[in-house]
Amino acid sequence: MASERQIGSTTTLARSLLDLCRSRKLTIATAESCTGGLVAGALTDIPGSSDVIDRGFVTYSNEAKRAMLGVKPTTLATFGAVSKETATAMAIGALEKAGVDLAVSITGIAGPGGATPGNPVGLVHFAVA
């Protein structure tokens, strides 16, 4: 379980992001794999977030990444689901599919299993478009 300090810090960061986007009239979408929607959840837990947050895509499977975000099969086959290339494609896909100003994506290996050579548990890639 997270400590109060961690929870407060996450809430403070989320509020700061929402305030900055609100002041600049920017909208956001998230594209998440290993976090399963927790980033969108952290943002939408804050009252008034709906004027900034448009939607979140939870794309746990490769098929979801392809169908919902337009990640190319060749990207997944060449670099894997947990790669900077896939994270970038997810962010660009979310930006294009949602028609928002900003998109953030996260893909990684949360564990406890799923590690592969070169991709240990805990490896995470983030991208912003």
N, C-alpha and C. Protein backbone atom coordinates (compact mmCIF):
# COMPACT_ATOMS: atom_id res chain seq x y z
N MET A 1 0.84 -1.19 0.00
CA MET A 1 0.00 0.00 0.00
C MET A 1 0.88 1.24 0.00
N ALA A 2 0.50 2.25 -0.76
CA ALA A 2 1.28 3.47 -0.86
C ALA A 2 1.19 4.28 0.43
N SER A 3 2.24 4.97 0.74
CA SER A 3 2.24 5.82 1.92
C SER A 3 1.47 7.10 1.63
N GLU A 4 1.10 7.82 2.67
CA GLU A 4 0.39 9.09 2.49
C GLU A 4 1.25 10.07 1.69
N ARG A 5 2.55 10.04 1.92
CA ARG A 5 3.43 10.94 1.18
C ARG A 5 3.37 10.66 -0.32
N GLN A 6 3.40 9.38 -0.69
CA GLN A 6 3.33 9.03 -2.11
C GLN A 6 1.98 9.43 -2.69
N ILE A 7 0.92 9.16 -1.98
CA ILE A 7 -0.41 9.51 -2.47
C ILE A 7 -0.54 11.02 -2.62
N GLY A 8 -0.08 11.78 -1.63
CA GLY A 8 -0.13 13.23 -1.71
C GLY A 8 0.67 13.77 -2.87
N SER A 9 1.84 13.18 -3.09
CA SER A 9 2.71 13.61 -4.18
C SER A 9 2.05 13.35 -5.53
N THR A 10 1.44 12.18 -5.69
CA THR A 10 0.76 11.86 -6.94
C THR A 10 -0.40 12.81 -7.17
N THR A 11 -1.17 13.08 -6.14
CA THR A 11 -2.29 14.00 -6.26
C THR A 11 -1.82 15.40 -6.60
N THR A 12 -0.74 15.83 -5.98
CA THR A 12 -0.20 17.16 -6.26
C THR A 12 0.25 17.27 -7.71
N LEU A 13 0.94 16.26 -8.19
CA LEU A 13 1.38 16.26 -9.59
C LEU A 13 0.19 16.25 -10.55
N ALA A 14 -0.80 15.43 -10.25
CA ALA A 14 -1.99 15.36 -11.10
C ALA A 14 -2.71 16.71 -11.13
N ARG A 15 -2.87 17.32 -9.96
CA ARG A 15 -3.52 18.64 -9.91
C ARG A 15 -2.73 19.67 -10.71
N SER A 16 -1.42 19.65 -10.57
CA SER A 16 -0.58 20.60 -11.30
C SER A 16 -0.73 20.43 -12.80
N LEU A 17 -0.74 19.18 -13.26
CA LEU A 17 -0.91 18.91 -14.69
C LEU A 17 -2.27 19.41 -15.16
N LEU A 18 -3.32 19.09 -14.41
CA LEU A 18 -4.66 19.53 -14.80
C LEU A 18 -4.76 21.05 -14.82
N ASP A 19 -4.20 21.70 -13.82
CA ASP A 19 -4.24 23.17 -13.77
C ASP A 19 -3.50 23.79 -14.95
N LEU A 20 -2.33 23.24 -15.27
CA LEU A 20 -1.55 23.77 -16.39
C LEU A 20 -2.32 23.59 -17.70
N CYS A 21 -2.86 22.41 -17.91
CA CYS A 21 -3.63 22.16 -19.14
C CYS A 21 -4.89 23.03 -19.20
N ARG A 22 -5.55 23.17 -18.07
CA ARG A 22 -6.76 24.00 -18.03
C ARG A 22 -6.42 25.45 -18.41
N SER A 23 -5.33 25.97 -17.87
CA SER A 23 -4.95 27.37 -18.14
C SER A 23 -4.58 27.58 -19.61
N ARG A 24 -4.13 26.51 -20.27
CA ARG A 24 -3.75 26.60 -21.68
C ARG A 24 -4.82 26.03 -22.62
N LYS A 25 -5.95 25.62 -22.01
CA LYS A 25 -7.07 25.06 -22.77
C LYS A 25 -6.65 23.83 -23.59
N LEU A 26 -5.90 22.94 -22.95
CA LEU A 26 -5.43 21.71 -23.58
C LEU A 26 -6.20 20.52 -23.05
N THR A 27 -6.43 19.54 -23.92
CA THR A 27 -7.09 18.30 -23.51
C THR A 27 -6.11 17.13 -23.60
N ILE A 28 -6.38 16.09 -22.82
CA ILE A 28 -5.46 14.95 -22.69
C ILE A 28 -6.21 13.64 -22.88
N ALA A 29 -5.50 12.68 -23.48
CA ALA A 29 -5.93 11.28 -23.51
C ALA A 29 -4.76 10.44 -23.00
N THR A 30 -5.08 9.30 -22.40
CA THR A 30 -4.04 8.37 -21.96
C THR A 30 -4.17 7.08 -22.75
N ALA A 31 -3.03 6.42 -22.94
CA ALA A 31 -2.98 5.10 -23.57
C ALA A 31 -2.12 4.24 -22.65
N GLU A 32 -2.75 3.28 -21.99
CA GLU A 32 -2.06 2.52 -20.95
C GLU A 32 -2.09 1.03 -21.21
N SER A 33 -0.99 0.40 -20.89
CA SER A 33 -0.92 -1.05 -20.96
C SER A 33 -0.72 -1.58 -19.55
N CYS A 34 0.50 -1.59 -19.05
CA CYS A 34 0.79 -2.22 -17.76
C CYS A 34 0.10 -1.55 -16.58
N THR A 35 -0.28 -0.29 -16.71
CA THR A 35 -0.94 0.42 -15.62
C THR A 35 -2.45 0.23 -15.63
N GLY A 36 -2.99 -0.35 -16.67
CA GLY A 36 -4.40 -0.73 -16.71
C GLY A 36 -5.39 0.38 -16.41
N GLY A 37 -5.07 1.61 -16.75
CA GLY A 37 -5.99 2.72 -16.53
C GLY A 37 -5.74 3.52 -15.26
N LEU A 38 -4.69 3.18 -14.52
CA LEU A 38 -4.43 3.88 -13.24
C LEU A 38 -4.04 5.34 -13.44
N VAL A 39 -3.39 5.67 -14.54
CA VAL A 39 -3.03 7.07 -14.79
C VAL A 39 -4.30 7.89 -15.03
N ALA A 40 -5.16 7.39 -15.90
CA ALA A 40 -6.43 8.07 -16.15
C ALA A 40 -7.23 8.16 -14.85
N GLY A 41 -7.20 7.10 -14.06
CA GLY A 41 -7.90 7.09 -12.78
C GLY A 41 -7.37 8.13 -11.82
N ALA A 42 -6.05 8.27 -11.76
CA ALA A 42 -5.45 9.28 -10.86
C ALA A 42 -5.86 10.69 -11.28
N LEU A 43 -5.94 10.91 -12.58
CA LEU A 43 -6.33 12.24 -13.06
C LEU A 43 -7.82 12.50 -12.86
N THR A 44 -8.64 11.50 -13.14
CA THR A 44 -10.09 11.71 -13.04
C THR A 44 -10.61 11.63 -11.61
N ASP A 45 -9.77 11.23 -10.67
CA ASP A 45 -10.16 11.29 -9.25
C ASP A 45 -10.25 12.72 -8.75
N ILE A 46 -9.70 13.65 -9.48
CA ILE A 46 -9.67 15.05 -9.07
C ILE A 46 -10.91 15.75 -9.62
N PRO A 47 -11.70 16.36 -8.74
CA PRO A 47 -12.90 17.06 -9.21
C PRO A 47 -12.56 18.12 -10.25
N GLY A 48 -13.38 18.18 -11.29
CA GLY A 48 -13.19 19.15 -12.35
C GLY A 48 -12.28 18.70 -13.46
N SER A 49 -11.78 17.46 -13.38
CA SER A 49 -10.84 16.96 -14.40
C SER A 49 -11.48 16.79 -15.76
N SER A 50 -12.79 16.71 -15.81
CA SER A 50 -13.47 16.43 -17.09
C SER A 50 -13.31 17.54 -18.11
N ASP A 51 -12.89 18.72 -17.68
CA ASP A 51 -12.65 19.77 -18.67
C ASP A 51 -11.27 19.64 -19.31
N VAL A 52 -10.46 18.69 -18.85
CA VAL A 52 -9.13 18.45 -19.41
C VAL A 52 -9.01 17.03 -19.97
N ILE A 53 -9.47 16.04 -19.22
CA ILE A 53 -9.32 14.64 -19.62
C ILE A 53 -10.45 14.26 -20.56
N ASP A 54 -10.08 13.79 -21.74
CA ASP A 54 -11.07 13.37 -22.73
C ASP A 54 -11.39 11.89 -22.61
N ARG A 55 -10.34 11.05 -22.57
CA ARG A 55 -10.55 9.61 -22.51
C ARG A 55 -9.25 8.90 -22.19
N GLY A 56 -9.42 7.62 -21.84
CA GLY A 56 -8.27 6.76 -21.63
C GLY A 56 -8.46 5.46 -22.39
N PHE A 57 -7.40 4.99 -23.00
CA PHE A 57 -7.39 3.71 -23.70
C PHE A 57 -6.61 2.72 -22.84
N VAL A 58 -7.23 1.60 -22.49
CA VAL A 58 -6.52 0.53 -21.80
C VAL A 58 -6.28 -0.54 -22.84
N THR A 59 -5.04 -0.70 -23.23
CA THR A 59 -4.69 -1.60 -24.33
C THR A 59 -3.66 -2.62 -23.84
N TYR A 60 -4.15 -3.55 -23.06
CA TYR A 60 -3.28 -4.56 -22.46
C TYR A 60 -2.73 -5.53 -23.50
N SER A 61 -3.52 -5.91 -24.46
CA SER A 61 -3.07 -6.89 -25.46
C SER A 61 -2.52 -6.18 -26.69
N ASN A 62 -1.73 -6.92 -27.46
CA ASN A 62 -1.24 -6.38 -28.73
C ASN A 62 -2.40 -6.08 -29.67
N GLU A 63 -3.41 -6.94 -29.68
CA GLU A 63 -4.57 -6.71 -30.54
C GLU A 63 -5.26 -5.39 -30.18
N ALA A 64 -5.37 -5.10 -28.90
CA ALA A 64 -5.97 -3.82 -28.48
C ALA A 64 -5.12 -2.64 -28.92
N LYS A 65 -3.82 -2.78 -28.83
CA LYS A 65 -2.92 -1.71 -29.29
C LYS A 65 -3.13 -1.46 -30.78
N ARG A 66 -3.28 -2.53 -31.55
CA ARG A 66 -3.50 -2.39 -32.99
C ARG A 66 -4.88 -1.79 -33.27
N ALA A 67 -5.92 -2.39 -32.69
CA ALA A 67 -7.30 -2.00 -33.01
C ALA A 67 -7.66 -0.61 -32.48
N MET A 68 -7.28 -0.31 -31.26
CA MET A 68 -7.71 0.94 -30.64
C MET A 68 -6.78 2.12 -30.93
N LEU A 69 -5.49 1.83 -31.10
CA LEU A 69 -4.52 2.92 -31.24
C LEU A 69 -3.80 2.93 -32.59
N GLY A 70 -4.03 1.90 -33.39
CA GLY A 70 -3.39 1.85 -34.70
C GLY A 70 -1.90 1.52 -34.66
N VAL A 71 -1.44 0.88 -33.58
CA VAL A 71 -0.04 0.45 -33.54
C VAL A 71 0.15 -0.60 -34.62
N LYS A 72 1.15 -0.43 -35.45
CA LYS A 72 1.37 -1.33 -36.58
C LYS A 72 1.88 -2.69 -36.10
N PRO A 73 1.38 -3.75 -36.71
CA PRO A 73 1.87 -5.09 -36.37
C PRO A 73 3.38 -5.21 -36.52
N THR A 74 3.95 -4.51 -37.50
CA THR A 74 5.40 -4.57 -37.69
C THR A 74 6.15 -3.94 -36.52
N THR A 75 5.59 -2.89 -35.92
CA THR A 75 6.21 -2.28 -34.75
C THR A 75 6.25 -3.27 -33.61
N LEU A 76 5.12 -3.93 -33.37
CA LEU A 76 5.04 -4.91 -32.29
C LEU A 76 5.95 -6.11 -32.56
N ALA A 77 5.98 -6.57 -33.80
CA ALA A 77 6.80 -7.74 -34.14
C ALA A 77 8.30 -7.42 -34.07
N THR A 78 8.67 -6.24 -34.51
CA THR A 78 10.08 -5.86 -34.56
C THR A 78 10.63 -5.45 -33.20
N PHE A 79 9.88 -4.64 -32.46
CA PHE A 79 10.39 -4.05 -31.22
C PHE A 79 9.76 -4.63 -29.96
N GLY A 80 8.60 -5.25 -30.10
CA GLY A 80 7.88 -5.80 -28.95
C GLY A 80 6.93 -4.80 -28.34
N ALA A 81 6.01 -5.31 -27.53
CA ALA A 81 5.00 -4.46 -26.88
C ALA A 81 5.63 -3.52 -25.86
N VAL A 82 6.73 -3.97 -25.26
CA VAL A 82 7.42 -3.15 -24.25
C VAL A 82 8.67 -2.57 -24.90
N SER A 83 8.49 -1.41 -25.53
CA SER A 83 9.59 -0.75 -26.22
C SER A 83 9.26 0.73 -26.38
N LYS A 84 10.31 1.52 -26.59
CA LYS A 84 10.07 2.95 -26.81
C LYS A 84 9.29 3.17 -28.10
N GLU A 85 9.52 2.31 -29.09
CA GLU A 85 8.82 2.45 -30.37
C GLU A 85 7.31 2.22 -30.20
N THR A 86 6.96 1.21 -29.42
CA THR A 86 5.54 0.94 -29.19
C THR A 86 4.92 2.03 -28.32
N ALA A 87 5.63 2.48 -27.31
CA ALA A 87 5.12 3.58 -26.47
C ALA A 87 4.85 4.82 -27.32
N THR A 88 5.78 5.12 -28.23
CA THR A 88 5.61 6.28 -29.11
C THR A 88 4.40 6.10 -30.01
N ALA A 89 4.27 4.91 -30.60
CA ALA A 89 3.12 4.64 -31.48
C ALA A 89 1.81 4.71 -30.71
N MET A 90 1.81 4.25 -29.46
CA MET A 90 0.60 4.33 -28.63
C MET A 90 0.21 5.78 -28.37
N ALA A 91 1.18 6.62 -28.04
CA ALA A 91 0.88 8.04 -27.76
C ALA A 91 0.36 8.74 -29.01
N ILE A 92 1.01 8.49 -30.14
CA ILE A 92 0.55 9.10 -31.39
C ILE A 92 -0.84 8.60 -31.76
N GLY A 93 -1.08 7.31 -31.57
CA GLY A 93 -2.40 6.75 -31.85
C GLY A 93 -3.49 7.35 -30.98
N ALA A 94 -3.20 7.51 -29.70
CA ALA A 94 -4.18 8.12 -28.79
C ALA A 94 -4.47 9.56 -29.19
N LEU A 95 -3.43 10.28 -29.56
CA LEU A 95 -3.59 11.67 -29.99
C LEU A 95 -4.49 11.75 -31.21
N GLU A 96 -4.23 10.89 -32.18
CA GLU A 96 -5.01 10.90 -33.41
C GLU A 96 -6.43 10.39 -33.22
N LYS A 97 -6.59 9.29 -32.50
CA LYS A 97 -7.93 8.70 -32.32
C LYS A 97 -8.83 9.57 -31.45
N ALA A 98 -8.25 10.23 -30.45
CA ALA A 98 -9.07 11.03 -29.53
C ALA A 98 -9.25 12.47 -30.01
N GLY A 99 -8.36 12.95 -30.87
CA GLY A 99 -8.45 14.33 -31.32
C GLY A 99 -8.18 15.32 -30.21
N VAL A 100 -7.28 14.96 -29.31
CA VAL A 100 -6.92 15.82 -28.18
C VAL A 100 -5.64 16.59 -28.48
N ASP A 101 -5.24 17.42 -27.55
CA ASP A 101 -4.01 18.20 -27.71
C ASP A 101 -2.77 17.44 -27.26
N LEU A 102 -2.92 16.61 -26.23
CA LEU A 102 -1.80 15.86 -25.64
C LEU A 102 -2.21 14.43 -25.37
N ALA A 103 -1.25 13.53 -25.51
CA ALA A 103 -1.50 12.14 -25.14
C ALA A 103 -0.26 11.59 -24.45
N VAL A 104 -0.48 10.76 -23.45
CA VAL A 104 0.60 10.08 -22.75
C VAL A 104 0.36 8.59 -22.87
N SER A 105 1.45 7.83 -23.04
CA SER A 105 1.30 6.38 -23.10
C SER A 105 2.30 5.72 -22.15
N ILE A 106 1.93 4.52 -21.73
CA ILE A 106 2.77 3.74 -20.82
C ILE A 106 2.66 2.28 -21.22
N THR A 107 3.80 1.64 -21.37
CA THR A 107 3.84 0.21 -21.61
C THR A 107 5.02 -0.36 -20.83
N GLY A 108 4.84 -1.52 -20.26
CA GLY A 108 5.92 -2.09 -19.47
C GLY A 108 5.58 -3.47 -18.95
N ILE A 109 6.45 -3.94 -18.07
CA ILE A 109 6.27 -5.26 -17.46
C ILE A 109 6.12 -5.04 -15.96
N ALA A 110 4.89 -5.14 -15.48
CA ALA A 110 4.61 -4.89 -14.08
C ALA A 110 5.02 -6.06 -13.19
N GLY A 111 5.01 -7.27 -13.73
CA GLY A 111 5.40 -8.45 -12.94
C GLY A 111 4.23 -9.03 -12.19
N PRO A 112 4.40 -10.03 -11.42
CA PRO A 112 5.71 -10.58 -11.05
C PRO A 112 6.36 -11.40 -12.16
N GLY A 113 5.59 -11.88 -13.12
CA GLY A 113 6.16 -12.64 -14.24
C GLY A 113 6.21 -11.78 -15.48
N GLY A 114 6.55 -12.40 -16.59
CA GLY A 114 6.53 -11.71 -17.87
C GLY A 114 7.87 -11.20 -18.34
N ALA A 115 8.90 -11.32 -17.54
CA ALA A 115 10.22 -10.85 -17.96
C ALA A 115 10.73 -11.70 -19.12
N THR A 116 11.48 -11.07 -19.99
CA THR A 116 12.14 -11.74 -21.10
C THR A 116 13.58 -11.23 -21.14
N PRO A 117 14.46 -11.90 -21.87
CA PRO A 117 15.83 -11.38 -21.97
C PRO A 117 15.84 -9.94 -22.49
N GLY A 118 16.45 -9.06 -21.76
CA GLY A 118 16.49 -7.65 -22.13
C GLY A 118 15.30 -6.84 -21.66
N ASN A 119 14.25 -7.50 -21.16
CA ASN A 119 13.06 -6.81 -20.65
C ASN A 119 12.72 -7.34 -19.25
N PRO A 120 13.37 -6.82 -18.23
CA PRO A 120 13.12 -7.30 -16.87
C PRO A 120 11.81 -6.76 -16.30
N VAL A 121 11.31 -7.43 -15.28
CA VAL A 121 10.16 -6.92 -14.54
C VAL A 121 10.51 -5.52 -14.05
N GLY A 122 9.61 -4.60 -14.21
CA GLY A 122 9.82 -3.22 -13.79
C GLY A 122 10.22 -2.29 -14.92
N LEU A 123 10.54 -2.85 -16.10
CA LEU A 123 10.88 -2.02 -17.24
C LEU A 123 9.61 -1.32 -17.73
N VAL A 124 9.67 0.00 -17.88
CA VAL A 124 8.51 0.77 -18.32
C VAL A 124 8.98 1.81 -19.34
N HIS A 125 8.19 1.99 -20.37
CA HIS A 125 8.45 3.05 -21.37
C HIS A 125 7.26 3.99 -21.35
N PHE A 126 7.57 5.29 -21.32
CA PHE A 126 6.57 6.35 -21.37
C PHE A 126 6.78 7.12 -22.68
N ALA A 127 5.71 7.66 -23.22
CA ALA A 127 5.82 8.56 -24.37
C ALA A 127 4.74 9.62 -24.27
N VAL A 128 5.02 10.75 -24.87
CA VAL A 128 4.07 11.86 -24.92
C VAL A 128 3.99 12.35 -26.35
N ALA A 129 2.80 12.63 -26.81
CA ALA A 129 2.61 13.20 -28.15
C ALA A 129 1.69 14.38 -28.04
